[in-house]
Amino acid sequence: RWNRQSKLDIRTKNGKAIEPGPYGTPTAWFEDGTWYLFYERRDAGIWLATSKDMTTWTHLQDDPVIRPGPGKYDRDLVAMNQIVKYRGRYYAYYHGAARGMSPTLWTTNIATSTDLVHWTKYSKNPLMPLSENKSSGIVVHDGKQFRLYTMHNKVHVHLPRQK
């Protein structure tokens, strides 16, 4: 059972309120006493704001930390699904798409970072063939290996390739 507490108060780097939404696909990360909130604005990029109290959030920079493109798989639209920290590096699982494709084909992708602000997209994105429409990937460690779950019109599980 959930109760709405309030609207998010997200501010620019210098403390001004950001323009009204819509915003979506929030992904939170907590580390060293700071909350990190990744969110998209009309799927036009992924922004990052931080908070100590989860009430007021302030951008670390006013530009997106992950932008669409340049590949066709995320040319116009991006949104983050999950952050995983593994061996000192952050992995962002995000979905992306190109406008104008019918149907819109969403992809699952990875970007990496060492500081949560500067991201490098994986050179072999998307993780699934563009024609498969498997997006919104999240990974879960089952005690032995990571499992990648993708979804759009249905949920799929993907296991690592055997060496």
Protein backbone atom coordinates (compact mmCIF):
# COMPACT_ATOMS: atom_id res chain seq x y z
CA ARG A 1 0.00 0.00 0.00
CA TRP A 2 1.52 3.30 -1.12
CA ASN A 3 0.67 6.87 -0.17
CA ARG A 4 1.66 9.87 -2.25
CA GLN A 5 3.94 12.13 -0.22
CA SER A 6 4.50 15.09 -2.53
CA LYS A 7 5.68 16.11 -5.97
CA LEU A 8 9.41 15.93 -6.52
CA ASP A 9 11.19 19.25 -6.07
CA ILE A 10 13.94 19.14 -8.69
CA ARG A 11 16.17 22.19 -9.06
CA THR A 12 18.79 23.34 -11.52
CA LYS A 13 22.44 23.37 -10.54
CA ASN A 14 22.07 26.94 -9.23
CA GLY A 15 18.85 26.23 -7.29
CA LYS A 16 16.04 27.34 -9.62
CA ALA A 17 12.99 25.11 -10.11
CA ILE A 18 13.13 23.16 -13.37
CA GLU A 19 10.43 23.60 -16.01
CA PRO A 20 7.20 21.61 -15.49
CA GLY A 21 7.11 17.93 -16.64
CA PRO A 22 6.34 15.40 -17.86
CA TYR A 23 9.16 13.38 -16.34
CA GLY A 24 9.43 9.67 -15.95
CA THR A 25 11.29 6.40 -15.64
CA PRO A 26 12.96 7.30 -12.33
CA THR A 27 15.98 5.27 -11.24
CA ALA A 28 17.48 5.87 -7.81
CA TRP A 29 20.92 5.04 -6.46
CA PHE A 30 22.16 5.55 -2.89
CA GLU A 31 25.84 5.82 -2.02
CA ASP A 32 27.89 7.53 0.72
CA GLY A 33 24.88 9.34 2.21
CA THR A 34 23.68 10.78 -1.12
CA TRP A 35 20.69 9.81 -3.24
CA TYR A 36 21.12 9.98 -7.04
CA LEU A 37 17.98 10.29 -9.14
CA PHE A 38 18.15 9.57 -12.87
CA TYR A 39 15.02 10.53 -14.80
CA GLU A 40 13.95 11.26 -18.36
CA ARG A 41 12.12 14.26 -19.73
CA ARG A 42 9.93 13.26 -22.69
CA ASP A 43 12.51 10.49 -23.34
CA ALA A 44 14.76 13.26 -24.78
CA GLY A 45 17.65 12.50 -22.41
CA ILE A 46 18.51 11.22 -18.95
CA TRP A 47 19.12 13.84 -16.25
CA LEU A 48 20.75 13.39 -12.85
CA ALA A 49 19.86 15.14 -9.59
CA THR A 50 21.09 14.42 -6.06
CA SER A 51 19.56 14.77 -2.62
CA LYS A 52 20.45 14.15 1.01
CA ASP A 53 16.80 14.17 2.19
CA MET A 54 14.89 12.76 -0.85
CA THR A 55 12.71 15.90 -0.80
CA THR A 56 14.73 18.51 -2.69
CA TRP A 57 16.85 17.34 -5.60
CA THR A 58 19.55 19.40 -7.32
CA HIS A 59 21.08 18.76 -10.74
CA LEU A 60 24.79 18.00 -10.79
CA GLN A 61 24.69 19.52 -14.27
CA ASP A 62 21.74 20.99 -16.16
CA ASP A 63 22.37 19.00 -19.34
CA PRO A 64 21.47 15.31 -19.66
CA VAL A 65 24.10 12.83 -18.50
CA ILE A 66 22.99 10.46 -21.29
CA ARG A 67 21.68 11.80 -24.59
CA PRO A 68 20.01 9.99 -27.48
CA GLY A 69 22.12 8.77 -30.39
CA PRO A 70 24.17 8.57 -32.40
CA GLY A 71 23.08 4.99 -33.18
CA LYS A 72 19.73 4.12 -34.72
CA TYR A 73 18.94 1.96 -31.67
CA ASP A 74 18.65 5.06 -29.43
CA ARG A 75 18.67 7.87 -31.99
CA ASP A 76 15.78 9.91 -30.54
CA LEU A 77 14.57 8.49 -27.21
CA VAL A 78 16.29 7.22 -24.05
CA ALA A 79 15.29 6.37 -20.47
CA MET A 80 17.18 4.59 -17.68
CA ASN A 81 15.98 1.37 -16.07
CA GLN A 82 18.68 0.36 -13.59
CA ILE A 83 22.12 1.12 -12.18
CA VAL A 84 24.44 -1.70 -11.11
CA LYS A 85 27.85 -1.24 -9.52
CA TYR A 86 30.28 -4.04 -10.32
CA ARG A 87 34.02 -4.06 -9.61
CA GLY A 88 34.13 -0.30 -9.07
CA ARG A 89 32.30 0.63 -12.27
CA TYR A 90 28.68 1.67 -12.74
CA TYR A 91 26.55 0.06 -15.42
CA ALA A 92 23.40 1.82 -16.61
CA TYR A 93 20.81 -0.37 -18.27
CA TYR A 94 18.67 1.90 -20.42
CA HIS A 95 16.20 1.68 -23.25
CA GLY A 96 16.21 3.67 -26.45
CA ALA A 97 14.39 4.04 -29.74
CA ALA A 98 14.18 5.99 -32.97
CA ARG A 99 11.07 8.02 -33.78
CA GLY A 100 9.16 7.29 -36.95
CA MET A 101 9.65 3.53 -36.96
CA SER A 102 6.39 1.62 -37.15
CA PRO A 103 6.03 -0.03 -34.77
CA THR A 104 8.37 1.87 -32.46
CA LEU A 105 11.12 -0.60 -31.63
CA TRP A 106 12.63 -0.13 -28.16
CA THR A 107 16.07 -1.53 -27.40
CA THR A 108 18.00 -2.57 -24.29
CA ASN A 109 21.42 -0.96 -23.94
CA ILE A 110 24.30 -0.44 -21.52
CA ALA A 111 26.45 2.58 -20.68
CA THR A 112 29.32 2.62 -18.16
CA SER A 113 30.68 5.25 -15.80
CA THR A 114 33.16 5.68 -12.97
CA ASP A 115 31.44 8.76 -11.45
CA LEU A 116 27.68 8.52 -12.32
CA VAL A 117 27.95 11.71 -14.41
CA HIS A 118 30.11 10.82 -17.43
CA TRP A 119 28.81 7.81 -19.36
CA THR A 120 30.18 5.80 -22.28
CA LYS A 121 27.75 3.75 -24.33
CA TYR A 122 28.71 0.13 -24.96
CA SER A 123 30.04 -0.22 -28.51
CA LYS A 124 27.95 -3.36 -29.13
CA ASN A 125 24.56 -1.81 -28.25
CA PRO A 126 21.78 -2.76 -28.60
CA LEU A 127 22.01 -5.99 -26.60
CA MET A 128 19.25 -7.64 -28.66
CA PRO A 129 18.69 -7.36 -32.41
CA LEU A 130 16.90 -4.10 -33.25
CA SER A 131 14.00 -6.01 -34.79
CA GLU A 132 13.12 -7.87 -31.55
CA ASN A 133 11.58 -4.97 -29.54
CA LYS A 134 13.02 -6.19 -26.21
CA SER A 135 13.48 -3.21 -23.96
CA SER A 136 13.61 -1.91 -20.41
CA GLY A 137 16.32 -4.36 -19.44
CA ILE A 138 17.20 -5.05 -15.83
CA VAL A 139 19.74 -7.50 -14.43
CA VAL A 140 19.35 -9.71 -11.38
CA HIS A 141 22.10 -11.83 -9.85
CA ASP A 142 20.66 -15.24 -8.95
CA GLY A 143 23.58 -16.25 -6.71
CA LYS A 144 25.56 -17.79 -9.57
CA GLN A 145 25.19 -15.50 -12.57
CA PHE A 146 23.45 -12.40 -13.83
CA ARG A 147 20.11 -12.77 -15.60
CA LEU A 148 18.95 -10.06 -18.00
CA TYR A 149 15.21 -9.49 -18.10
CA THR A 150 13.73 -7.54 -21.02
CA MET A 151 10.16 -6.51 -21.53
CA HIS A 152 7.85 -4.63 -23.79
CA ASN A 153 4.85 -6.61 -24.81
CA LYS A 154 6.08 -9.56 -22.68
CA VAL A 155 8.93 -10.42 -20.29
CA HIS A 156 11.93 -12.44 -21.50
CA VAL A 157 14.90 -13.77 -19.51
CA HIS A 158 18.37 -13.97 -21.08
CA LEU A 159 21.33 -15.87 -19.61
CA PRO A 160 25.04 -15.32 -20.30
CA ARG A 161 26.50 -17.21 -23.22
CA GLN A 162 28.53 -20.21 -22.15
CA LYS A 163 32.25 -19.92 -22.90
